[in-house]
Amino acid sequence: MKQNDAYVESALLTTRKEALSLYRAVIRASVLFVWKDSKGHVWKDVIRESARKEFEQGKHERDPEMVNRLILSGREAVDVALDKFMEQRQKIMDEESKGKMK
């Protein structure tokens, strides 16, 4: 029984570090979203509030496998959002450069 407890504790420490890393990645990525939503809220703040709520909801999860799933899905969501942001940014830059050439 003690061996299993040690494994769970070790897994939780690792996942806590990964969760903190993910949270920081969300905060860093959120600074790119400077425009407002339909309600007039800056997307940066909306993203940060949403991330905080999700992390608060997940902080009591004790199953390391479930925590890893949450972290992986969160990491994937950040990556997808950043990819879409960069694609849109590139489109805008391409359109601006075409406009200057005319």
PDB file of N, CA and C in Angstrom:
ATOM      1  N   MET A   1       0.818  -1.199   0.000  1.00  0.00           N
ATOM      2  CA  MET A   1       0.000   0.000   0.000  1.00  0.00           C
ATOM      3  C   MET A   1       0.861   1.264   0.000  1.00  0.00           C
ATOM      4  N   LYS A   2       1.948   1.283   0.791  1.00  0.00           N
ATOM      5  CA  LYS A   2       2.796   2.462   0.847  1.00  0.00           C
ATOM      6  C   LYS A   2       3.475   2.727  -0.487  1.00  0.00           C
ATOM      7  N   GLN A   3       3.816   1.671  -1.213  1.00  0.00           N
ATOM      8  CA  GLN A   3       4.459   1.826  -2.505  1.00  0.00           C
ATOM      9  C   GLN A   3       3.500   2.517  -3.488  1.00  0.00           C
ATOM     10  N   ASN A   4       2.239   2.144  -3.459  1.00  0.00           N
ATOM     11  CA  ASN A   4       1.234   2.752  -4.327  1.00  0.00           C
ATOM     12  C   ASN A   4       1.035   4.224  -3.957  1.00  0.00           C
ATOM     13  N   ASP A   5       1.012   4.516  -2.661  1.00  0.00           N
ATOM     14  CA  ASP A   5       0.873   5.902  -2.210  1.00  0.00           C
ATOM     15  C   ASP A   5       2.055   6.751  -2.682  1.00  0.00           C
ATOM     16  N   ALA A   6       3.255   6.184  -2.629  1.00  0.00           N
ATOM     17  CA  ALA A   6       4.444   6.912  -3.077  1.00  0.00           C
ATOM     18  C   ALA A   6       4.369   7.190  -4.576  1.00  0.00           C
ATOM     19  N   TYR A   7       3.870   6.211  -5.329  1.00  0.00           N
ATOM     20  CA  TYR A   7       3.718   6.395  -6.772  1.00  0.00           C
ATOM     21  C   TYR A   7       2.726   7.519  -7.065  1.00  0.00           C
ATOM     22  N   VAL A   8       1.603   7.492  -6.393  1.00  0.00           N
ATOM     23  CA  VAL A   8       0.579   8.512  -6.612  1.00  0.00           C
ATOM     24  C   VAL A   8       1.125   9.886  -6.240  1.00  0.00           C
ATOM     25  N   GLU A   9       1.838   9.984  -5.139  1.00  0.00           N
ATOM     26  CA  GLU A   9       2.407  11.266  -4.704  1.00  0.00           C
ATOM     27  C   GLU A   9       3.425  11.776  -5.721  1.00  0.00           C
ATOM     28  N   SER A  10       4.275  10.880  -6.211  1.00  0.00           N
ATOM     29  CA  SER A  10       5.264  11.251  -7.214  1.00  0.00           C
ATOM     30  C   SER A  10       4.590  11.707  -8.507  1.00  0.00           C
ATOM     31  N   ALA A  11       3.563  10.979  -8.921  1.00  0.00           N
ATOM     32  CA  ALA A  11       2.837  11.334 -10.142  1.00  0.00           C
ATOM     33  C   ALA A  11       2.149  12.681  -9.984  1.00  0.00           C
ATOM     34  N   LEU A  12       1.601  12.939  -8.806  1.00  0.00           N
ATOM     35  CA  LEU A  12       0.916  14.211  -8.572  1.00  0.00           C
ATOM     36  C   LEU A  12       1.892  15.384  -8.594  1.00  0.00           C
ATOM     37  N   LEU A  13       3.098  15.193  -8.051  1.00  0.00           N
ATOM     38  CA  LEU A  13       4.093  16.259  -8.085  1.00  0.00           C
ATOM     39  C   LEU A  13       4.491  16.585  -9.522  1.00  0.00           C
ATOM     40  N   THR A  14       4.654  15.546 -10.330  1.00  0.00           N
ATOM     41  CA  THR A  14       4.998  15.753 -11.730  1.00  0.00           C
ATOM     42  C   THR A  14       3.875  16.467 -12.459  1.00  0.00           C
ATOM     43  N   THR A  15       2.658  16.027 -12.237  1.00  0.00           N
ATOM     44  CA  THR A  15       1.534  16.643 -12.934  1.00  0.00           C
ATOM     45  C   THR A  15       1.296  18.071 -12.443  1.00  0.00           C
ATOM     46  N   ARG A  16       1.604  18.348 -11.205  1.00  0.00           N
ATOM     47  CA  ARG A  16       1.482  19.728 -10.711  1.00  0.00           C
ATOM     48  C   ARG A  16       2.439  20.646 -11.460  1.00  0.00           C
ATOM     49  N   LYS A  17       3.656  20.170 -11.681  1.00  0.00           N
ATOM     50  CA  LYS A  17       4.625  20.964 -12.434  1.00  0.00           C
ATOM     51  C   LYS A  17       4.142  21.184 -13.865  1.00  0.00           C
ATOM     52  N   GLU A  18       3.603  20.137 -14.472  1.00  0.00           N
ATOM     53  CA  GLU A  18       3.100  20.254 -15.840  1.00  0.00           C
ATOM     54  C   GLU A  18       1.893  21.176 -15.900  1.00  0.00           C
ATOM     55  N   ALA A  19       1.029  21.093 -14.897  1.00  0.00           N
ATOM     56  CA  ALA A  19      -0.145  21.962 -14.858  1.00  0.00           C
ATOM     57  C   ALA A  19       0.277  23.422 -14.706  1.00  0.00           C
ATOM     58  N   LEU A  20       1.249  23.677 -13.868  1.00  0.00           N
ATOM     59  CA  LEU A  20       1.751  25.035 -13.689  1.00  0.00           C
ATOM     60  C   LEU A  20       2.379  25.549 -14.986  1.00  0.00           C
ATOM     61  N   SER A  21       3.111  24.686 -15.664  1.00  0.00           N
ATOM     62  CA  SER A  21       3.702  25.056 -16.940  1.00  0.00           C
ATOM     63  C   SER A  21       2.613  25.397 -17.961  1.00  0.00           C
ATOM     64  N   LEU A  22       1.567  24.599 -17.998  1.00  0.00           N
ATOM     65  CA  LEU A  22       0.450  24.858 -18.908  1.00  0.00           C
ATOM     66  C   LEU A  22      -0.230  26.178 -18.558  1.00  0.00           C
ATOM     67  N   TYR A  23      -0.461  26.418 -17.283  1.00  0.00           N
ATOM     68  CA  TYR A  23      -1.109  27.666 -16.857  1.00  0.00           C
ATOM     69  C   TYR A  23      -0.279  28.874 -17.296  1.00  0.00           C
ATOM     70  N   ARG A  24       1.016  28.779 -17.121  1.00  0.00           N
ATOM     71  CA  ARG A  24       1.898  29.873 -17.546  1.00  0.00           C
ATOM     72  C   ARG A  24       1.851  30.072 -19.057  1.00  0.00           C
ATOM     73  N   ALA A  25       1.773  28.962 -19.793  1.00  0.00           N
ATOM     74  CA  ALA A  25       1.677  29.046 -21.253  1.00  0.00           C
ATOM     75  C   ALA A  25       0.391  29.761 -21.665  1.00  0.00           C
ATOM     76  N   VAL A  26      -0.697  29.483 -20.957  1.00  0.00           N
ATOM     77  CA  VAL A  26      -1.976  30.146 -21.246  1.00  0.00           C
ATOM     78  C   VAL A  26      -1.851  31.644 -20.987  1.00  0.00           C
ATOM     79  N   ILE A  27      -1.249  32.008 -19.880  1.00  0.00           N
ATOM     80  CA  ILE A  27      -1.080  33.426 -19.534  1.00  0.00           C
ATOM     81  C   ILE A  27      -0.203  34.119 -20.580  1.00  0.00           C
ATOM     82  N   ARG A  28       0.899  33.465 -20.979  1.00  0.00           N
ATOM     83  CA  ARG A  28       1.775  34.065 -21.993  1.00  0.00           C
ATOM     84  C   ARG A  28       1.048  34.220 -23.324  1.00  0.00           C
ATOM     85  N   ALA A  29       0.280  33.224 -23.712  1.00  0.00           N
ATOM     86  CA  ALA A  29      -0.436  33.267 -24.992  1.00  0.00           C
ATOM     87  C   ALA A  29      -1.553  34.308 -24.959  1.00  0.00           C
ATOM     88  N   SER A  30      -2.146  34.514 -23.809  1.00  0.00           N
ATOM     89  CA  SER A  30      -3.292  35.421 -23.719  1.00  0.00           C
ATOM     90  C   SER A  30      -2.937  36.862 -24.056  1.00  0.00           C
ATOM     91  N   VAL A  31      -1.687  37.253 -23.889  1.00  0.00           N
ATOM     92  CA  VAL A  31      -1.305  38.641 -24.166  1.00  0.00           C
ATOM     93  C   VAL A  31      -1.455  38.992 -25.642  1.00  0.00           C
ATOM     94  N   LEU A  32      -1.535  37.992 -26.508  1.00  0.00           N
ATOM     95  CA  LEU A  32      -1.696  38.238 -27.940  1.00  0.00           C
ATOM     96  C   LEU A  32      -3.113  38.649 -28.310  1.00  0.00           C
ATOM     97  N   PHE A  33      -4.077  38.330 -27.459  1.00  0.00           N
ATOM     98  CA  PHE A  33      -5.492  38.544 -27.766  1.00  0.00           C
ATOM     99  C   PHE A  33      -5.955  39.870 -27.162  1.00  0.00           C
ATOM    100  N   VAL A  34      -5.742  40.946 -27.923  1.00  0.00           N
ATOM    101  CA  VAL A  34      -5.954  42.298 -27.392  1.00  0.00           C
ATOM    102  C   VAL A  34      -7.284  42.924 -27.798  1.00  0.00           C
ATOM    103  N   TRP A  35      -8.030  42.267 -28.684  1.00  0.00           N
ATOM    104  CA  TRP A  35      -9.300  42.841 -29.123  1.00  0.00           C
ATOM    105  C   TRP A  35     -10.413  42.456 -28.158  1.00  0.00           C
ATOM    106  N   LYS A  36     -11.590  43.066 -28.351  1.00  0.00           N
ATOM    107  CA  LYS A  36     -12.717  42.854 -27.441  1.00  0.00           C
ATOM    108  C   LYS A  36     -13.735  41.896 -28.039  1.00  0.00           C
ATOM    109  N   ASP A  37     -14.447  41.195 -27.145  1.00  0.00           N
ATOM    110  CA  ASP A  37     -15.525  40.309 -27.601  1.00  0.00           C
ATOM    111  C   ASP A  37     -16.808  41.113 -27.772  1.00  0.00           C
ATOM    112  N   SER A  38     -17.891  40.439 -28.079  1.00  0.00           N
ATOM    113  CA  SER A  38     -19.163  41.129 -28.346  1.00  0.00           C
ATOM    114  C   SER A  38     -19.715  41.855 -27.118  1.00  0.00           C
ATOM    115  N   LYS A  39     -19.267  41.464 -25.931  1.00  0.00           N
ATOM    116  CA  LYS A  39     -19.729  42.108 -24.703  1.00  0.00           C
ATOM    117  C   LYS A  39     -18.816  43.250 -24.263  1.00  0.00           C
ATOM    118  N   GLY A  40     -17.756  43.478 -25.028  1.00  0.00           N
ATOM    119  CA  GLY A  40     -16.837  44.559 -24.704  1.00  0.00           C
ATOM    120  C   GLY A  40     -15.698  44.158 -23.785  1.00  0.00           C
ATOM    121  N   HIS A  41     -15.561  42.863 -23.492  1.00  0.00           N
ATOM    122  CA  HIS A  41     -14.468  42.390 -22.646  1.00  0.00           C
ATOM    123  C   HIS A  41     -13.247  42.075 -23.507  1.00  0.00           C
ATOM    124  N   VAL A  42     -12.077  42.443 -23.026  1.00  0.00           N
ATOM    125  CA  VAL A  42     -10.841  42.133 -23.744  1.00  0.00           C
ATOM    126  C   VAL A  42     -10.618  40.626 -23.674  1.00  0.00           C
ATOM    127  N   TRP A  43     -10.336  40.010 -24.828  1.00  0.00           N
ATOM    128  CA  TRP A  43     -10.178  38.556 -24.889  1.00  0.00           C
ATOM    129  C   TRP A  43      -9.079  38.054 -23.959  1.00  0.00           C
ATOM    130  N   LYS A  44      -8.032  38.827 -23.783  1.00  0.00           N
ATOM    131  CA  LYS A  44      -6.946  38.446 -22.879  1.00  0.00           C
ATOM    132  C   LYS A  44      -7.504  38.146 -21.490  1.00  0.00           C
ATOM    133  N   ASP A  45      -8.364  39.023 -21.008  1.00  0.00           N
ATOM    134  CA  ASP A  45      -8.948  38.847 -19.677  1.00  0.00           C
ATOM    135  C   ASP A  45      -9.922  37.677 -19.638  1.00  0.00           C
ATOM    136  N   VAL A  46     -10.690  37.513 -20.710  1.00  0.00           N
ATOM    137  CA  VAL A  46     -11.644  36.396 -20.790  1.00  0.00           C
ATOM    138  C   VAL A  46     -10.897  35.072 -20.738  1.00  0.00           C
ATOM    139  N   ILE A  47      -9.816  34.975 -21.488  1.00  0.00           N
ATOM    140  CA  ILE A  47      -9.015  33.747 -21.526  1.00  0.00           C
ATOM    141  C   ILE A  47      -8.421  33.463 -20.152  1.00  0.00           C
ATOM    142  N   ARG A  48      -7.891  34.479 -19.513  1.00  0.00           N
ATOM    143  CA  ARG A  48      -7.266  34.285 -18.200  1.00  0.00           C
ATOM    144  C   ARG A  48      -8.292  33.858 -17.147  1.00  0.00           C
ATOM    145  N   GLU A  49      -9.458  34.480 -17.164  1.00  0.00           N
ATOM    146  CA  GLU A  49     -10.505  34.107 -16.206  1.00  0.00           C
ATOM    147  C   GLU A  49     -10.972  32.673 -16.445  1.00  0.00           C
ATOM    148  N   SER A  50     -11.144  32.317 -17.695  1.00  0.00           N
ATOM    149  CA  SER A  50     -11.582  30.978 -18.044  1.00  0.00           C
ATOM    150  C   SER A  50     -10.546  29.938 -17.622  1.00  0.00           C
ATOM    151  N   ALA A  51      -9.283  30.224 -17.884  1.00  0.00           N
ATOM    152  CA  ALA A  51      -8.213  29.300 -17.495  1.00  0.00           C
ATOM    153  C   ALA A  51      -8.172  29.133 -15.981  1.00  0.00           C
ATOM    154  N   ARG A  52      -8.306  30.231 -15.273  1.00  0.00           N
ATOM    155  CA  ARG A  52      -8.277  30.170 -13.807  1.00  0.00           C
ATOM    156  C   ARG A  52      -9.408  29.294 -13.276  1.00  0.00           C
ATOM    157  N   LYS A  53     -10.614  29.461 -13.837  1.00  0.00           N
ATOM    158  CA  LYS A  53     -11.759  28.656 -13.409  1.00  0.00           C
ATOM    159  C   LYS A  53     -11.522  27.173 -13.678  1.00  0.00           C
ATOM    160  N   GLU A  54     -10.999  26.867 -14.866  1.00  0.00           N
ATOM    161  CA  GLU A  54     -10.759  25.468 -15.216  1.00  0.00           C
ATOM    162  C   GLU A  54      -9.697  24.847 -14.325  1.00  0.00           C
ATOM    163  N   PHE A  55      -8.646  25.594 -14.034  1.00  0.00           N
ATOM    164  CA  PHE A  55      -7.608  25.060 -13.157  1.00  0.00           C
ATOM    165  C   PHE A  55      -8.124  24.891 -11.727  1.00  0.00           C
ATOM    166  N   GLU A  56      -8.951  25.807 -11.281  1.00  0.00           N
ATOM    167  CA  GLU A  56      -9.543  25.675  -9.943  1.00  0.00           C
ATOM    168  C   GLU A  56     -10.437  24.441  -9.866  1.00  0.00           C
ATOM    169  N   GLN A  57     -11.204  24.180 -10.921  1.00  0.00           N
ATOM    170  CA  GLN A  57     -12.075  23.009 -10.945  1.00  0.00           C
ATOM    171  C   GLN A  57     -11.263  21.713 -10.951  1.00  0.00           C
ATOM    172  N   GLY A  58     -10.131  21.726 -11.630  1.00  0.00           N
ATOM    173  CA  GLY A  58      -9.336  20.507 -11.758  1.00  0.00           C
ATOM    174  C   GLY A  58      -8.339  20.274 -10.644  1.00  0.00           C
ATOM    175  N   LYS A  59      -8.152  21.242  -9.751  1.00  0.00           N
ATOM    176  CA  LYS A  59      -7.096  21.097  -8.751  1.00  0.00           C
ATOM    177  C   LYS A  59      -7.376  20.017  -7.703  1.00  0.00           C
ATOM    178  N   HIS A  60      -8.611  19.588  -7.579  1.00  0.00           N
ATOM    179  CA  HIS A  60      -8.926  18.554  -6.595  1.00  0.00           C
ATOM    180  C   HIS A  60      -8.921  17.154  -7.203  1.00  0.00           C
ATOM    181  N   GLU A  61      -8.627  17.065  -8.483  1.00  0.00           N
ATOM    182  CA  GLU A  61      -8.564  15.760  -9.145  1.00  0.00           C
ATOM    183  C   GLU A  61      -7.349  14.998  -8.615  1.00  0.00           C
ATOM    184  N   ARG A  62      -7.560  13.777  -8.136  1.00  0.00           N
ATOM    185  CA  ARG A  62      -6.490  12.984  -7.526  1.00  0.00           C
ATOM    186  C   ARG A  62      -5.974  11.874  -8.433  1.00  0.00           C
ATOM    187  N   ASP A  63      -6.690  11.572  -9.490  1.00  0.00           N
ATOM    188  CA  ASP A  63      -6.290  10.505 -10.395  1.00  0.00           C
ATOM    189  C   ASP A  63      -5.246  11.042 -11.375  1.00  0.00           C
ATOM    190  N   PRO A  64      -3.994  10.563 -11.275  1.00  0.00           N
ATOM    191  CA  PRO A  64      -2.939  11.079 -12.150  1.00  0.00           C
ATOM    192  C   PRO A  64      -3.254  10.909 -13.639  1.00  0.00           C
ATOM    193  N   GLU A  65      -3.924   9.842 -13.999  1.00  0.00           N
ATOM    194  CA  GLU A  65      -4.266   9.636 -15.401  1.00  0.00           C
ATOM    195  C   GLU A  65      -5.248  10.706 -15.893  1.00  0.00           C
ATOM    196  N   MET A  66      -6.225  11.023 -15.079  1.00  0.00           N
ATOM    197  CA  MET A  66      -7.196  12.055 -15.446  1.00  0.00           C
ATOM    198  C   MET A  66      -6.524  13.427 -15.505  1.00  0.00           C
ATOM    199  N   VAL A  67      -5.629  13.691 -14.575  1.00  0.00           N
ATOM    200  CA  VAL A  67      -4.903  14.966 -14.582  1.00  0.00           C
ATOM    201  C   VAL A  67      -4.077  15.082 -15.862  1.00  0.00           C
ATOM    202  N   ASN A  68      -3.421  13.979 -16.234  1.00  0.00           N
ATOM    203  CA  ASN A  68      -2.639  13.996 -17.473  1.00  0.00           C
ATOM    204  C   ASN A  68      -3.520  14.244 -18.692  1.00  0.00           C
ATOM    205  N   ARG A  69      -4.702  13.667 -18.701  1.00  0.00           N
ATOM    206  CA  ARG A  69      -5.635  13.909 -19.811  1.00  0.00           C
ATOM    207  C   ARG A  69      -6.024  15.384 -19.881  1.00  0.00           C
ATOM    208  N   LEU A  70      -6.315  15.960 -18.720  1.00  0.00           N
ATOM    209  CA  LEU A  70      -6.687  17.378 -18.672  1.00  0.00           C
ATOM    210  C   LEU A  70      -5.535  18.256 -19.166  1.00  0.00           C
ATOM    211  N   ILE A  71      -4.333  17.930 -18.746  1.00  0.00           N
ATOM    212  CA  ILE A  71      -3.162  18.711 -19.156  1.00  0.00           C
ATOM    213  C   ILE A  71      -2.933  18.579 -20.655  1.00  0.00           C
ATOM    214  N   LEU A  72      -3.023  17.357 -21.167  1.00  0.00           N
ATOM    215  CA  LEU A  72      -2.818  17.149 -22.604  1.00  0.00           C
ATOM    216  C   LEU A  72      -3.861  17.887 -23.436  1.00  0.00           C
ATOM    217  N   SER A  73      -5.115  17.817 -23.017  1.00  0.00           N
ATOM    218  CA  SER A  73      -6.158  18.510 -23.781  1.00  0.00           C
ATOM    219  C   SER A  73      -5.984  20.022 -23.672  1.00  0.00           C
ATOM    220  N   GLY A  74      -5.552  20.506 -22.526  1.00  0.00           N
ATOM    221  CA  GLY A  74      -5.290  21.934 -22.362  1.00  0.00           C
ATOM    222  C   GLY A  74      -4.129  22.399 -23.205  1.00  0.00           C
ATOM    223  N   ARG A  75      -3.083  21.610 -23.240  1.00  0.00           N
ATOM    224  CA  ARG A  75      -1.911  21.946 -24.048  1.00  0.00           C
ATOM    225  C   ARG A  75      -2.275  21.977 -25.533  1.00  0.00           C
ATOM    226  N   GLU A  76      -3.078  21.001 -25.945  1.00  0.00           N
ATOM    227  CA  GLU A  76      -3.524  20.949 -27.333  1.00  0.00           C
ATOM    228  C   GLU A  76      -4.377  22.177 -27.683  1.00  0.00           C
ATOM    229  N   ALA A  77      -5.240  22.571 -26.762  1.00  0.00           N
ATOM    230  CA  ALA A  77      -6.096  23.741 -27.001  1.00  0.00           C
ATOM    231  C   ALA A  77      -5.250  25.007 -27.150  1.00  0.00           C
ATOM    232  N   VAL A  78      -4.227  25.159 -26.327  1.00  0.00           N
ATOM    233  CA  VAL A  78      -3.345  26.324 -26.436  1.00  0.00           C
ATOM    234  C   VAL A  78      -2.631  26.312 -27.785  1.00  0.00           C
ATOM    235  N   ASP A  79      -2.123  25.144 -28.172  1.00  0.00           N
ATOM    236  CA  ASP A  79      -1.415  25.030 -29.446  1.00  0.00           C
ATOM    237  C   ASP A  79      -2.325  25.355 -30.630  1.00  0.00           C
ATOM    238  N   VAL A  80      -3.541  24.839 -30.607  1.00  0.00           N
ATOM    239  CA  VAL A  80      -4.490  25.103 -31.694  1.00  0.00           C
ATOM    240  C   VAL A  80      -4.831  26.594 -31.759  1.00  0.00           C
ATOM    241  N   ALA A  81      -5.086  27.187 -30.609  1.00  0.00           N
ATOM    242  CA  ALA A  81      -5.422  28.621 -30.577  1.00  0.00           C
ATOM    243  C   ALA A  81      -4.267  29.462 -31.113  1.00  0.00           C
ATOM    244  N   LEU A  82      -3.053  29.133 -30.724  1.00  0.00           N
ATOM    245  CA  LEU A  82      -1.898  29.894 -31.207  1.00  0.00           C
ATOM    246  C   LEU A  82      -1.677  29.690 -32.704  1.00  0.00           C
ATOM    247  N   ASP A  83      -1.886  28.469 -33.175  1.00  0.00           N
ATOM    248  CA  ASP A  83      -1.755  28.212 -34.611  1.00  0.00           C
ATOM    249  C   ASP A  83      -2.764  29.028 -35.409  1.00  0.00           C
ATOM    250  N   LYS A  84      -4.009  29.042 -34.948  1.00  0.00           N
ATOM    251  CA  LYS A  84      -5.045  29.824 -35.640  1.00  0.00           C
ATOM    252  C   LYS A  84      -4.726  31.311 -35.589  1.00  0.00           C
ATOM    253  N   PHE A  85      -4.246  31.767 -34.451  1.00  0.00           N
ATOM    254  CA  PHE A  85      -3.875  33.167 -34.313  1.00  0.00           C
ATOM    255  C   PHE A  85      -2.775  33.525 -35.313  1.00  0.00           C
ATOM    256  N   MET A  86      -1.757  32.677 -35.400  1.00  0.00           N
ATOM    257  CA  MET A  86      -0.639  32.949 -36.296  1.00  0.00           C
ATOM    258  C   MET A  86      -1.072  32.880 -37.763  1.00  0.00           C
ATOM    259  N   GLU A  87      -1.971  31.967 -38.098  1.00  0.00           N
ATOM    260  CA  GLU A  87      -2.492  31.904 -39.469  1.00  0.00           C
ATOM    261  C   GLU A  87      -3.229  33.195 -39.823  1.00  0.00           C
ATOM    262  N   GLN A  88      -4.075  33.649 -38.924  1.00  0.00           N
ATOM    263  CA  GLN A  88      -4.834  34.879 -39.163  1.00  0.00           C
ATOM    264  C   GLN A  88      -3.900  36.077 -39.253  1.00  0.00           C
ATOM    265  N   ARG A  89      -2.911  36.103 -38.402  1.00  0.00           N
ATOM    266  CA  ARG A  89      -1.931  37.191 -38.417  1.00  0.00           C
ATOM    267  C   ARG A  89      -1.204  37.222 -39.759  1.00  0.00           C
ATOM    268  N   GLN A  90      -0.833  36.033 -40.237  1.00  0.00           N
ATOM    269  CA  GLN A  90      -0.136  35.957 -41.521  1.00  0.00           C
ATOM    270  C   GLN A  90      -1.028  36.429 -42.659  1.00  0.00           C
ATOM    271  N   LYS A  91      -2.312  36.077 -42.624  1.00  0.00           N
ATOM    272  CA  LYS A  91      -3.254  36.539 -43.650  1.00  0.00           C
ATOM    273  C   LYS A  91      -3.333  38.058 -43.663  1.00  0.00           C
ATOM    274  N   ILE A  92      -3.428  38.651 -42.484  1.00  0.00           N
ATOM    275  CA  ILE A  92      -3.513  40.110 -42.372  1.00  0.00           C
ATOM    276  C   ILE A  92      -2.246  40.751 -42.915  1.00  0.00           C
ATOM    277  N   MET A  93      -1.103  40.187 -42.567  1.00  0.00           N
ATOM    278  CA  MET A  93       0.165  40.735 -43.046  1.00  0.00           C
ATOM    279  C   MET A  93       0.275  40.613 -44.562  1.00  0.00           C
ATOM    280  N   ASP A  94      -0.170  39.488 -45.119  1.00  0.00           N
ATOM    281  CA  ASP A  94      -0.137  39.293 -46.568  1.00  0.00           C
ATOM    282  C   ASP A  94      -1.051  40.302 -47.268  1.00  0.00           C
ATOM    283  N   GLU A  95      -2.261  40.518 -46.713  1.00  0.00           N
ATOM    284  CA  GLU A  95      -3.198  41.479 -47.294  1.00  0.00           C
ATOM    285  C   GLU A  95      -2.631  42.900 -47.234  1.00  0.00           C
ATOM    286  N   GLU A  96      -1.998  43.225 -46.121  1.00  0.00           N
ATOM    287  CA  GLU A  96      -1.410  44.566 -45.990  1.00  0.00           C
ATOM    288  C   GLU A  96      -0.280  44.764 -46.975  1.00  0.00           C
ATOM    289  N   SER A  97       0.533  43.730 -47.171  1.00  0.00           N
ATOM    290  CA  SER A  97       1.655  43.875 -48.099  1.00  0.00           C
ATOM    291  C   SER A  97       1.157  43.960 -49.536  1.00  0.00           C
ATOM    292  N   LYS A  98       0.063  43.281 -49.871  1.00  0.00           N
ATOM    293  CA  LYS A  98      -0.532  43.395 -51.208  1.00  0.00           C
ATOM    294  C   LYS A  98      -1.097  44.785 -51.418  1.00  0.00           C
ATOM    295  N   GLY A  99      -1.702  45.349 -50.385  1.00  0.00           N
ATOM    296  CA  GLY A  99      -2.268  46.697 -50.474  1.00  0.00           C
ATOM    297  C   GLY A  99      -1.216  47.751 -50.687  1.00  0.00           C
ATOM    298  N   LYS A 100      -0.039  47.567 -50.114  1.00  0.00           N
ATOM    299  CA  LYS A 100       1.050  48.531 -50.255  1.00  0.00           C
ATOM    300  C   LYS A 100       1.690  48.447 -51.634  1.00  0.00           C
ATOM    301  N   MET A 101       1.596  47.265 -52.248  1.00  0.00           N
ATOM    302  CA  MET A 101       2.213  47.075 -53.564  1.00  0.00           C
ATOM    303  C   MET A 101       1.388  47.736 -54.663  1.00  0.00           C
ATOM    304  N   LYS A 102       0.110  47.956 -54.437  1.00  0.00           N
ATOM    305  CA  LYS A 102      -0.761  48.520 -55.475  1.00  0.00           C
ATOM    306  C   LYS A 102      -0.548  49.971 -55.679  1.00  0.00           C
TER     307      LYS A 102
END
